Amino acid sequence: MQAGLSRVTTQWLTCSHRAPQLIKAWARPYLAGSCPSIRPQLSSAHLAMAAASQDMETEVAKYELNGTTVAYKRYLTVLDRKITVTCKKTGEVQAVPYDVVGHPQCDFQSASCLAYHSPKNGEGPQFTLIREFQQGPGRVMYSVVSGGFDPRKHTNIAECVRAELSEEALLMGGELVALQPPGHPGMFEVKWCANRTFSFLVIDPEVDPAPKAQDMEEYIEVVRVSLTQLRELMDTGELVMPQYLTCKLALEHLTARGLV
């Protein structure tokens, strides 16, 4: 991280009724020690709630993991995950193979960050987005800054965000705000993906005079949008879901601080 950068601010805007459900959804794999880099950050309260969760069982079925192997690997890795399902009503047992995608080279972690710029010259706040080709939709779309965690380059997920801000949006500095609670291992991207994503907000970054080099396949256009334009992009599906979540959490945080 460059000298002089603002400290990372962790902010979790939560409702008391939401936290227990959150813990039940994500913590059990971390109790097993499968993610040692994250597990030590979990509080004793988090661990106690996770221990009581039943995330491999519902009222109608019980699930058992029977192994995961690599079926295919290039940029994405496709995992063959075998699950045994027992129906509680009939007792029927069946083995179900699932395709699960992810990025093991990124420790199955990624991050995205919305850049906020305070009002100037009588105008409202602005936000930095990028436009780039997205291979799934097969077209150019808007995006917040995002990228995968690289354990060879990054010591933590915040450092990953700083690097991506420089590389993709040509920005540095500012107040970096983590939008998940301390110790949170990230949100799953979709149900058939093992990747977890972290959401960040950066407030009033500056132009980076020496930005990091982009990846060879990246041809990125950097744009500024107003609050109204950002909300329109969110409402019309022009942002993929993990990035929609980042924008939603960021706007909640900015609203709570009276910045939008």
C-alpha atoms as a PDB file:
ATOM      1  CA  MET A   1       0.000   0.000   0.000  1.00  0.00           C
ATOM      2  CA  GLN A   2       1.350   3.433  -0.913  1.00  0.00           C
ATOM      3  CA  ALA A   3       2.528   5.810   1.786  1.00  0.00           C
ATOM      4  CA  GLY A   4       0.091   8.491   2.842  1.00  0.00           C
ATOM      5  CA  LEU A   5      -3.062   6.583   1.953  1.00  0.00           C
ATOM      6  CA  SER A   6      -5.978   7.007   4.315  1.00  0.00           C
ATOM      7  CA  ARG A   7      -6.594   4.201   6.778  1.00  0.00           C
ATOM      8  CA  VAL A   8      -9.211   1.621   5.971  1.00  0.00           C
ATOM      9  CA  THR A   9     -12.486   2.346   7.721  1.00  0.00           C
ATOM     10  CA  THR A  10     -14.664  -0.647   8.532  1.00  0.00           C
ATOM     11  CA  GLN A  11     -18.361   0.108   8.658  1.00  0.00           C
ATOM     12  CA  TRP A  12     -21.180  -2.392   9.017  1.00  0.00           C
ATOM     13  CA  LEU A  13     -24.669  -1.005   8.758  1.00  0.00           C
ATOM     14  CA  THR A  14     -26.780  -3.805  10.154  1.00  0.00           C
ATOM     15  CA  CYS A  15     -30.129  -4.521  11.716  1.00  0.00           C
ATOM     16  CA  SER A  16     -30.152  -6.720  14.789  1.00  0.00           C
ATOM     17  CA  HIS A  17     -32.569  -9.155  13.147  1.00  0.00           C
ATOM     18  CA  ARG A  18     -30.300  -9.728  10.154  1.00  0.00           C
ATOM     19  CA  ALA A  19     -26.992 -10.759  11.732  1.00  0.00           C
ATOM     20  CA  PRO A  20     -27.948 -14.277  12.982  1.00  0.00           C
ATOM     21  CA  GLN A  21     -29.266 -15.300   9.571  1.00  0.00           C
ATOM     22  CA  LEU A  22     -26.077 -13.976   7.984  1.00  0.00           C
ATOM     23  CA  ILE A  23     -23.852 -16.042  10.238  1.00  0.00           C
ATOM     24  CA  LYS A  24     -25.876 -19.221   9.645  1.00  0.00           C
ATOM     25  CA  ALA A  25     -25.437 -18.802   5.912  1.00  0.00           C
ATOM     26  CA  TRP A  26     -21.681 -18.517   5.735  1.00  0.00           C
ATOM     27  CA  ALA A  27     -19.713 -19.530   8.776  1.00  0.00           C
ATOM     28  CA  ARG A  28     -19.778 -23.340   8.970  1.00  0.00           C
ATOM     29  CA  PRO A  29     -17.039 -24.008   6.350  1.00  0.00           C
ATOM     30  CA  TYR A  30     -14.738 -21.695   8.293  1.00  0.00           C
ATOM     31  CA  LEU A  31     -15.217 -23.613  11.525  1.00  0.00           C
ATOM     32  CA  ALA A  32     -13.730 -26.609   9.753  1.00  0.00           C
ATOM     33  CA  GLY A  33     -10.548 -24.643   9.095  1.00  0.00           C
ATOM     34  CA  SER A  34     -10.908 -24.730   5.308  1.00  0.00           C
ATOM     35  CA  CYS A  35     -10.131 -21.008   5.137  1.00  0.00           C
ATOM     36  CA  PRO A  36      -7.409 -20.473   7.770  1.00  0.00           C
ATOM     37  CA  SER A  37      -6.582 -16.965   6.540  1.00  0.00           C
ATOM     38  CA  ILE A  38     -10.091 -15.812   7.518  1.00  0.00           C
ATOM     39  CA  ARG A  39     -11.051 -18.061  10.400  1.00  0.00           C
ATOM     40  CA  PRO A  40      -8.919 -16.251  13.065  1.00  0.00           C
ATOM     41  CA  GLN A  41     -10.841 -13.024  12.364  1.00  0.00           C
ATOM     42  CA  LEU A  42     -14.182 -14.514  13.455  1.00  0.00           C
ATOM     43  CA  SER A  43     -15.322 -13.398  16.891  1.00  0.00           C
ATOM     44  CA  SER A  44     -16.395 -15.869  19.581  1.00  0.00           C
ATOM     45  CA  ALA A  45     -19.986 -14.681  19.125  1.00  0.00           C
ATOM     46  CA  HIS A  46     -19.802 -15.436  15.398  1.00  0.00           C
ATOM     47  CA  LEU A  47     -18.412 -18.901  16.078  1.00  0.00           C
ATOM     48  CA  ALA A  48     -21.083 -19.691  18.660  1.00  0.00           C
ATOM     49  CA  MET A  49     -23.892 -18.759  16.269  1.00  0.00           C
ATOM     50  CA  ALA A  50     -22.271 -20.718  13.447  1.00  0.00           C
ATOM     51  CA  ALA A  51     -21.920 -23.831  15.596  1.00  0.00           C
ATOM     52  CA  ALA A  52     -25.685 -23.830  16.140  1.00  0.00           C
ATOM     53  CA  SER A  53     -26.505 -23.474  12.449  1.00  0.00           C
ATOM     54  CA  GLN A  54     -27.892 -26.346  10.342  1.00  0.00           C
ATOM     55  CA  ASP A  55     -26.645 -25.336   6.926  1.00  0.00           C
ATOM     56  CA  MET A  56     -26.347 -28.938   5.642  1.00  0.00           C
ATOM     57  CA  GLU A  57     -29.903 -29.798   6.645  1.00  0.00           C
ATOM     58  CA  THR A  58     -33.425 -28.479   6.118  1.00  0.00           C
ATOM     59  CA  GLU A  59     -36.801 -29.657   7.352  1.00  0.00           C
ATOM     60  CA  VAL A  60     -37.185 -31.827   4.234  1.00  0.00           C
ATOM     61  CA  ALA A  61     -33.684 -33.120   3.425  1.00  0.00           C
ATOM     62  CA  LYS A  62     -30.202 -33.766   4.749  1.00  0.00           C
ATOM     63  CA  TYR A  63     -27.087 -33.170   2.638  1.00  0.00           C
ATOM     64  CA  GLU A  64     -23.633 -34.725   2.898  1.00  0.00           C
ATOM     65  CA  LEU A  65     -20.539 -33.701   0.967  1.00  0.00           C
ATOM     66  CA  ASN A  66     -18.810 -36.747  -0.539  1.00  0.00           C
ATOM     67  CA  GLY A  67     -15.852 -35.177  -2.271  1.00  0.00           C
ATOM     68  CA  THR A  68     -14.838 -32.512  -4.763  1.00  0.00           C
ATOM     69  CA  THR A  69     -12.522 -32.969  -7.735  1.00  0.00           C
ATOM     70  CA  VAL A  70     -11.412 -30.731 -10.604  1.00  0.00           C
ATOM     71  CA  ALA A  71     -13.353 -31.399 -13.804  1.00  0.00           C
ATOM     72  CA  TYR A  72     -11.878 -28.595 -15.930  1.00  0.00           C
ATOM     73  CA  LYS A  73      -9.412 -25.768 -15.442  1.00  0.00           C
ATOM     74  CA  ARG A  74      -8.427 -22.724 -17.473  1.00  0.00           C
ATOM     75  CA  TYR A  75      -9.178 -19.196 -16.257  1.00  0.00           C
ATOM     76  CA  LEU A  76     -12.204 -20.585 -14.420  1.00  0.00           C
ATOM     77  CA  THR A  77     -12.040 -23.920 -12.619  1.00  0.00           C
ATOM     78  CA  VAL A  78     -15.040 -26.245 -12.798  1.00  0.00           C
ATOM     79  CA  LEU A  79     -15.326 -28.511  -9.772  1.00  0.00           C
ATOM     80  CA  ASP A  80     -17.230 -31.807  -9.693  1.00  0.00           C
ATOM     81  CA  ARG A  81     -18.881 -31.748  -6.274  1.00  0.00           C
ATOM     82  CA  LYS A  82     -20.661 -34.914  -5.145  1.00  0.00           C
ATOM     83  CA  ILE A  83     -23.515 -34.581  -2.657  1.00  0.00           C
ATOM     84  CA  THR A  84     -25.593 -37.312  -1.017  1.00  0.00           C
ATOM     85  CA  VAL A  85     -29.175 -36.172  -0.395  1.00  0.00           C
ATOM     86  CA  THR A  86     -31.493 -37.962   2.029  1.00  0.00           C
ATOM     87  CA  CYS A  87     -35.219 -37.181   1.835  1.00  0.00           C
ATOM     88  CA  LYS A  88     -36.555 -37.033   5.402  1.00  0.00           C
ATOM     89  CA  LYS A  89     -40.113 -37.925   4.397  1.00  0.00           C
ATOM     90  CA  THR A  90     -39.381 -41.056   2.367  1.00  0.00           C
ATOM     91  CA  GLY A  91     -35.863 -41.963   3.464  1.00  0.00           C
ATOM     92  CA  GLU A  92     -34.804 -42.040  -0.185  1.00  0.00           C
ATOM     93  CA  VAL A  93     -31.071 -41.464  -0.690  1.00  0.00           C
ATOM     94  CA  GLN A  94     -29.572 -40.270  -3.938  1.00  0.00           C
ATOM     95  CA  ALA A  95     -26.130 -39.128  -5.071  1.00  0.00           C
ATOM     96  CA  VAL A  96     -26.193 -35.817  -6.931  1.00  0.00           C
ATOM     97  CA  PRO A  97     -23.206 -34.456  -8.910  1.00  0.00           C
ATOM     98  CA  TYR A  98     -22.934 -30.666  -9.150  1.00  0.00           C
ATOM     99  CA  ASP A  99     -20.821 -28.394 -11.344  1.00  0.00           C
ATOM    100  CA  VAL A 100     -19.297 -25.622  -9.220  1.00  0.00           C
ATOM    101  CA  VAL A 101     -17.159 -22.853 -10.722  1.00  0.00           C
ATOM    102  CA  GLY A 102     -14.554 -20.676  -9.043  1.00  0.00           C
ATOM    103  CA  HIS A 103     -11.063 -19.222  -8.969  1.00  0.00           C
ATOM    104  CA  PRO A 104      -8.836 -21.297  -6.664  1.00  0.00           C
ATOM    105  CA  GLN A 105      -5.835 -19.250  -7.851  1.00  0.00           C
ATOM    106  CA  CYS A 106      -7.534 -16.282  -6.167  1.00  0.00           C
ATOM    107  CA  ASP A 107      -8.310 -18.249  -2.982  1.00  0.00           C
ATOM    108  CA  PHE A 108     -11.925 -18.052  -4.223  1.00  0.00           C
ATOM    109  CA  GLN A 109     -11.998 -14.364  -3.237  1.00  0.00           C
ATOM    110  CA  SER A 110     -12.707 -11.177  -5.179  1.00  0.00           C
ATOM    111  CA  ALA A 111     -13.602  -7.586  -4.355  1.00  0.00           C
ATOM    112  CA  SER A 112     -15.433  -4.686  -5.926  1.00  0.00           C
ATOM    113  CA  CYS A 113     -15.347  -1.004  -5.014  1.00  0.00           C
ATOM    114  CA  LEU A 114     -17.499   2.027  -5.787  1.00  0.00           C
ATOM    115  CA  ALA A 115     -15.567   5.317  -5.976  1.00  0.00           C
ATOM    116  CA  TYR A 116     -17.408   8.377  -4.602  1.00  0.00           C
ATOM    117  CA  HIS A 117     -16.446  11.990  -5.336  1.00  0.00           C
ATOM    118  CA  SER A 118     -17.823  14.797  -3.164  1.00  0.00           C
ATOM    119  CA  PRO A 119     -19.896  17.592  -4.726  1.00  0.00           C
ATOM    120  CA  LYS A 120     -17.913  20.401  -6.350  1.00  0.00           C
ATOM    121  CA  ASN A 121     -18.758  23.648  -8.113  1.00  0.00           C
ATOM    122  CA  GLY A 122     -22.425  23.447  -7.158  1.00  0.00           C
ATOM    123  CA  GLU A 123     -22.872  20.017  -8.716  1.00  0.00           C
ATOM    124  CA  GLY A 124     -23.949  16.858  -6.912  1.00  0.00           C
ATOM    125  CA  PRO A 125     -21.720  13.907  -6.038  1.00  0.00           C
ATOM    126  CA  GLN A 126     -20.226  11.792  -8.785  1.00  0.00           C
ATOM    127  CA  PHE A 127     -19.108   8.187  -9.017  1.00  0.00           C
ATOM    128  CA  THR A 128     -16.344   6.576 -11.034  1.00  0.00           C
ATOM    129  CA  LEU A 129     -17.390   3.541 -13.045  1.00  0.00           C
ATOM    130  CA  ILE A 130     -15.705   1.685 -15.868  1.00  0.00           C
ATOM    131  CA  ARG A 131     -16.980   0.276 -19.155  1.00  0.00           C
ATOM    132  CA  GLU A 132     -15.457  -2.933 -20.443  1.00  0.00           C
ATOM    133  CA  PHE A 133     -16.322  -6.083 -22.384  1.00  0.00           C
ATOM    134  CA  GLN A 134     -17.914  -8.720 -20.168  1.00  0.00           C
ATOM    135  CA  GLN A 135     -17.600 -12.216 -21.577  1.00  0.00           C
ATOM    136  CA  GLY A 136     -20.736 -13.751 -20.049  1.00  0.00           C
ATOM    137  CA  PRO A 137     -23.227 -11.181 -21.377  1.00  0.00           C
ATOM    138  CA  GLY A 138     -21.056 -10.929 -24.500  1.00  0.00           C
ATOM    139  CA  ARG A 139     -21.090  -7.143 -24.662  1.00  0.00           C
ATOM    140  CA  VAL A 140     -19.680  -3.955 -23.168  1.00  0.00           C
ATOM    141  CA  MET A 141     -21.272  -3.104 -19.803  1.00  0.00           C
ATOM    142  CA  TYR A 142     -20.797  -0.699 -16.930  1.00  0.00           C
ATOM    143  CA  SER A 143     -18.971  -1.910 -13.868  1.00  0.00           C
ATOM    144  CA  VAL A 144     -17.483  -0.772 -10.607  1.00  0.00           C
ATOM    145  CA  VAL A 145     -13.803  -1.469 -10.056  1.00  0.00           C
ATOM    146  CA  SER A 146     -13.379  -5.176  -9.329  1.00  0.00           C
ATOM    147  CA  GLY A 147     -10.808  -7.926  -9.362  1.00  0.00           C
ATOM    148  CA  GLY A 148      -9.605 -11.176  -7.884  1.00  0.00           C
ATOM    149  CA  PHE A 149      -7.431 -11.516  -4.806  1.00  0.00           C
ATOM    150  CA  ASP A 150      -3.922 -12.632  -5.770  1.00  0.00           C
ATOM    151  CA  PRO A 151      -2.065 -14.209  -2.827  1.00  0.00           C
ATOM    152  CA  ARG A 152       1.213 -13.676  -4.696  1.00  0.00           C
ATOM    153  CA  LYS A 153       0.675  -9.893  -4.761  1.00  0.00           C
ATOM    154  CA  HIS A 154      -1.814  -8.994  -2.022  1.00  0.00           C
ATOM    155  CA  THR A 155      -1.487  -9.473   1.722  1.00  0.00           C
ATOM    156  CA  ASN A 156      -5.190  -8.753   2.315  1.00  0.00           C
ATOM    157  CA  ILE A 157      -8.371  -7.960   0.407  1.00  0.00           C
ATOM    158  CA  ALA A 158      -8.053  -4.202   0.994  1.00  0.00           C
ATOM    159  CA  GLU A 159      -4.682  -4.250  -0.761  1.00  0.00           C
ATOM    160  CA  CYS A 160      -6.364  -6.033  -3.667  1.00  0.00           C
ATOM    161  CA  VAL A 161      -8.921  -3.197  -3.870  1.00  0.00           C
ATOM    162  CA  ARG A 162      -6.229  -0.513  -3.846  1.00  0.00           C
ATOM    163  CA  ALA A 163      -4.404  -2.253  -6.675  1.00  0.00           C
ATOM    164  CA  GLU A 164      -7.571  -2.583  -8.774  1.00  0.00           C
ATOM    165  CA  LEU A 165      -8.487   1.075  -8.202  1.00  0.00           C
ATOM    166  CA  SER A 166      -5.118   2.073  -9.640  1.00  0.00           C
ATOM    167  CA  GLU A 167      -5.181  -0.436 -12.472  1.00  0.00           C
ATOM    168  CA  GLU A 168      -8.763  -0.029 -13.677  1.00  0.00           C
ATOM    169  CA  ALA A 169      -9.918   3.436 -12.587  1.00  0.00           C
ATOM    170  CA  LEU A 170      -6.532   5.232 -12.404  1.00  0.00           C
ATOM    171  CA  LEU A 171      -7.268   6.270  -8.807  1.00  0.00           C
ATOM    172  CA  MET A 172      -5.362   6.240  -5.514  1.00  0.00           C
ATOM    173  CA  GLY A 173      -5.868   7.307  -1.901  1.00  0.00           C
ATOM    174  CA  GLY A 174      -9.142   8.270  -0.301  1.00  0.00           C
ATOM    175  CA  GLU A 175     -10.972   6.728   2.625  1.00  0.00           C
ATOM    176  CA  LEU A 176     -11.465   3.018   1.996  1.00  0.00           C
ATOM    177  CA  VAL A 177     -14.609   1.640   3.644  1.00  0.00           C
ATOM    178  CA  ALA A 178     -15.238  -2.100   4.024  1.00  0.00           C
ATOM    179  CA  LEU A 179     -18.977  -2.706   3.614  1.00  0.00           C
ATOM    180  CA  GLN A 180     -19.111  -6.141   5.233  1.00  0.00           C
ATOM    181  CA  PRO A 181     -18.592  -6.639   8.997  1.00  0.00           C
ATOM    182  CA  PRO A 182     -15.155  -7.510  10.419  1.00  0.00           C
ATOM    183  CA  GLY A 183     -14.280 -11.160   9.884  1.00  0.00           C
ATOM    184  CA  HIS A 184     -16.922 -11.687   7.209  1.00  0.00           C
ATOM    185  CA  PRO A 185     -15.626 -14.127   4.542  1.00  0.00           C
ATOM    186  CA  GLY A 186     -17.513 -12.439   1.705  1.00  0.00           C
ATOM    187  CA  MET A 187     -20.794 -12.961  -0.115  1.00  0.00           C
ATOM    188  CA  PHE A 188     -21.219 -15.888  -2.495  1.00  0.00           C
ATOM    189  CA  GLU A 189     -21.511 -14.585  -6.065  1.00  0.00           C
ATOM    190  CA  VAL A 190     -24.212 -17.075  -7.140  1.00  0.00           C
ATOM    191  CA  LYS A 191     -25.335 -20.440  -5.777  1.00  0.00           C
ATOM    192  CA  TRP A 192     -23.285 -22.521  -8.237  1.00  0.00           C
ATOM    193  CA  CYS A 193     -20.059 -20.567  -7.660  1.00  0.00           C
ATOM    194  CA  ALA A 194     -17.511 -21.074  -4.865  1.00  0.00           C
ATOM    195  CA  ASN A 195     -16.167 -17.522  -5.127  1.00  0.00           C
ATOM    196  CA  ARG A 196     -16.914 -15.030  -2.383  1.00  0.00           C
ATOM    197  CA  THR A 197     -16.883 -11.302  -3.024  1.00  0.00           C
ATOM    198  CA  PHE A 198     -16.185  -8.350  -0.745  1.00  0.00           C
ATOM    199  CA  SER A 199     -17.749  -4.907  -1.172  1.00  0.00           C
ATOM    200  CA  PHE A 200     -15.912  -1.631  -0.644  1.00  0.00           C
ATOM    201  CA  LEU A 201     -16.462   2.095  -0.993  1.00  0.00           C
ATOM    202  CA  VAL A 202     -13.693   4.637  -1.498  1.00  0.00           C
ATOM    203  CA  ILE A 203     -14.437   8.262  -0.670  1.00  0.00           C
ATOM    204  CA  ASP A 204     -12.670  11.069  -2.550  1.00  0.00           C
ATOM    205  CA  PRO A 205      -9.774   9.226  -4.167  1.00  0.00           C
ATOM    206  CA  GLU A 206      -7.337  11.164  -6.328  1.00  0.00           C
ATOM    207  CA  VAL A 207      -5.959  10.571  -9.806  1.00  0.00           C
ATOM    208  CA  ASP A 208      -3.028   8.160  -9.702  1.00  0.00           C
ATOM    209  CA  PRO A 209      -0.102   9.717 -11.599  1.00  0.00           C
ATOM    210  CA  ALA A 210       1.511   6.300 -12.046  1.00  0.00           C
ATOM    211  CA  PRO A 211      -1.310   3.718 -12.333  1.00  0.00           C
ATOM    212  CA  LYS A 212      -0.613   0.013 -12.332  1.00  0.00           C
ATOM    213  CA  ALA A 213      -0.609  -1.802 -15.671  1.00  0.00           C
ATOM    214  CA  GLN A 214      -3.844  -3.415 -16.820  1.00  0.00           C
ATOM    215  CA  ASP A 215      -4.124  -7.077 -17.757  1.00  0.00           C
ATOM    216  CA  MET A 216      -3.443  -7.805 -21.409  1.00  0.00           C
ATOM    217  CA  GLU A 217      -7.107  -8.456 -22.268  1.00  0.00           C
ATOM    218  CA  GLU A 218      -8.377  -5.305 -20.536  1.00  0.00           C
ATOM    219  CA  TYR A 219      -9.395  -2.280 -22.608  1.00  0.00           C
ATOM    220  CA  ILE A 220     -11.128  -0.132 -20.027  1.00  0.00           C
ATOM    221  CA  GLU A 221     -13.004   3.149 -20.407  1.00  0.00           C
ATOM    222  CA  VAL A 222     -13.227   5.207 -17.193  1.00  0.00           C
ATOM    223  CA  VAL A 223     -16.400   7.275 -16.776  1.00  0.00           C
ATOM    224  CA  ARG A 224     -18.021   9.541 -14.184  1.00  0.00           C
ATOM    225  CA  VAL A 225     -21.754   9.319 -13.503  1.00  0.00           C
ATOM    226  CA  SER A 226     -24.185  11.234 -11.302  1.00  0.00           C
ATOM    227  CA  LEU A 227     -26.196   9.711  -8.461  1.00  0.00           C
ATOM    228  CA  THR A 228     -29.276   9.621 -10.693  1.00  0.00           C
ATOM    229  CA  GLN A 229     -27.366   7.873 -13.467  1.00  0.00           C
ATOM    230  CA  LEU A 230     -25.908   5.339 -11.038  1.00  0.00           C
ATOM    231  CA  ARG A 231     -29.348   4.446  -9.737  1.00  0.00           C
ATOM    232  CA  GLU A 232     -30.651   4.088 -13.288  1.00  0.00           C
ATOM    233  CA  LEU A 233     -27.840   1.665 -14.117  1.00  0.00           C
ATOM    234  CA  MET A 234     -28.655  -0.340 -10.987  1.00  0.00           C
ATOM    235  CA  ASP A 235     -32.387  -0.418 -11.711  1.00  0.00           C
ATOM    236  CA  THR A 236     -32.041  -1.410 -15.385  1.00  0.00           C
ATOM    237  CA  GLY A 237     -29.702  -4.371 -14.891  1.00  0.00           C
ATOM    238  CA  GLU A 238     -26.582  -2.743 -16.348  1.00  0.00           C
ATOM    239  CA  LEU A 239     -24.504  -3.942 -13.393  1.00  0.00           C
ATOM    240  CA  VAL A 240     -23.911  -7.622 -12.608  1.00  0.00           C
ATOM    241  CA  MET A 241     -25.307  -8.737  -9.260  1.00  0.00           C
ATOM    242  CA  PRO A 242     -22.174  -8.630  -7.025  1.00  0.00           C
ATOM    243  CA  GLN A 243     -21.524  -5.107  -8.232  1.00  0.00           C
ATOM    244  CA  TYR A 244     -25.154  -4.134  -7.749  1.00  0.00           C
ATOM    245  CA  LEU A 245     -24.735  -5.272  -4.137  1.00  0.00           C
ATOM    246  CA  THR A 246     -21.605  -3.146  -3.754  1.00  0.00           C
ATOM    247  CA  CYS A 247     -23.441  -0.068  -5.046  1.00  0.00           C
ATOM    248  CA  LYS A 248     -26.429  -0.749  -2.792  1.00  0.00           C
ATOM    249  CA  LEU A 249     -24.284  -1.124   0.339  1.00  0.00           C
ATOM    250  CA  ALA A 250     -22.189   1.910  -0.614  1.00  0.00           C
ATOM    251  CA  LEU A 251     -25.260   4.116  -1.093  1.00  0.00           C
ATOM    252  CA  GLU A 252     -26.637   2.944   2.268  1.00  0.00           C
ATOM    253  CA  HIS A 253     -23.362   3.928   3.915  1.00  0.00           C
ATOM    254  CA  LEU A 254     -23.214   7.299   2.152  1.00  0.00           C
ATOM    255  CA  THR A 255     -26.836   8.017   3.076  1.00  0.00           C
ATOM    256  CA  ALA A 256     -26.167   7.219   6.734  1.00  0.00           C
ATOM    257  CA  ARG A 257     -23.283   9.701   6.711  1.00  0.00           C
ATOM    258  CA  GLY A 258     -25.319  12.364   4.932  1.00  0.00           C
ATOM    259  CA  LEU A 259     -23.110  12.329   1.840  1.00  0.00           C
ATOM    260  CA  VAL A 260     -25.916  11.625  -0.647  1.00  0.00           C
END
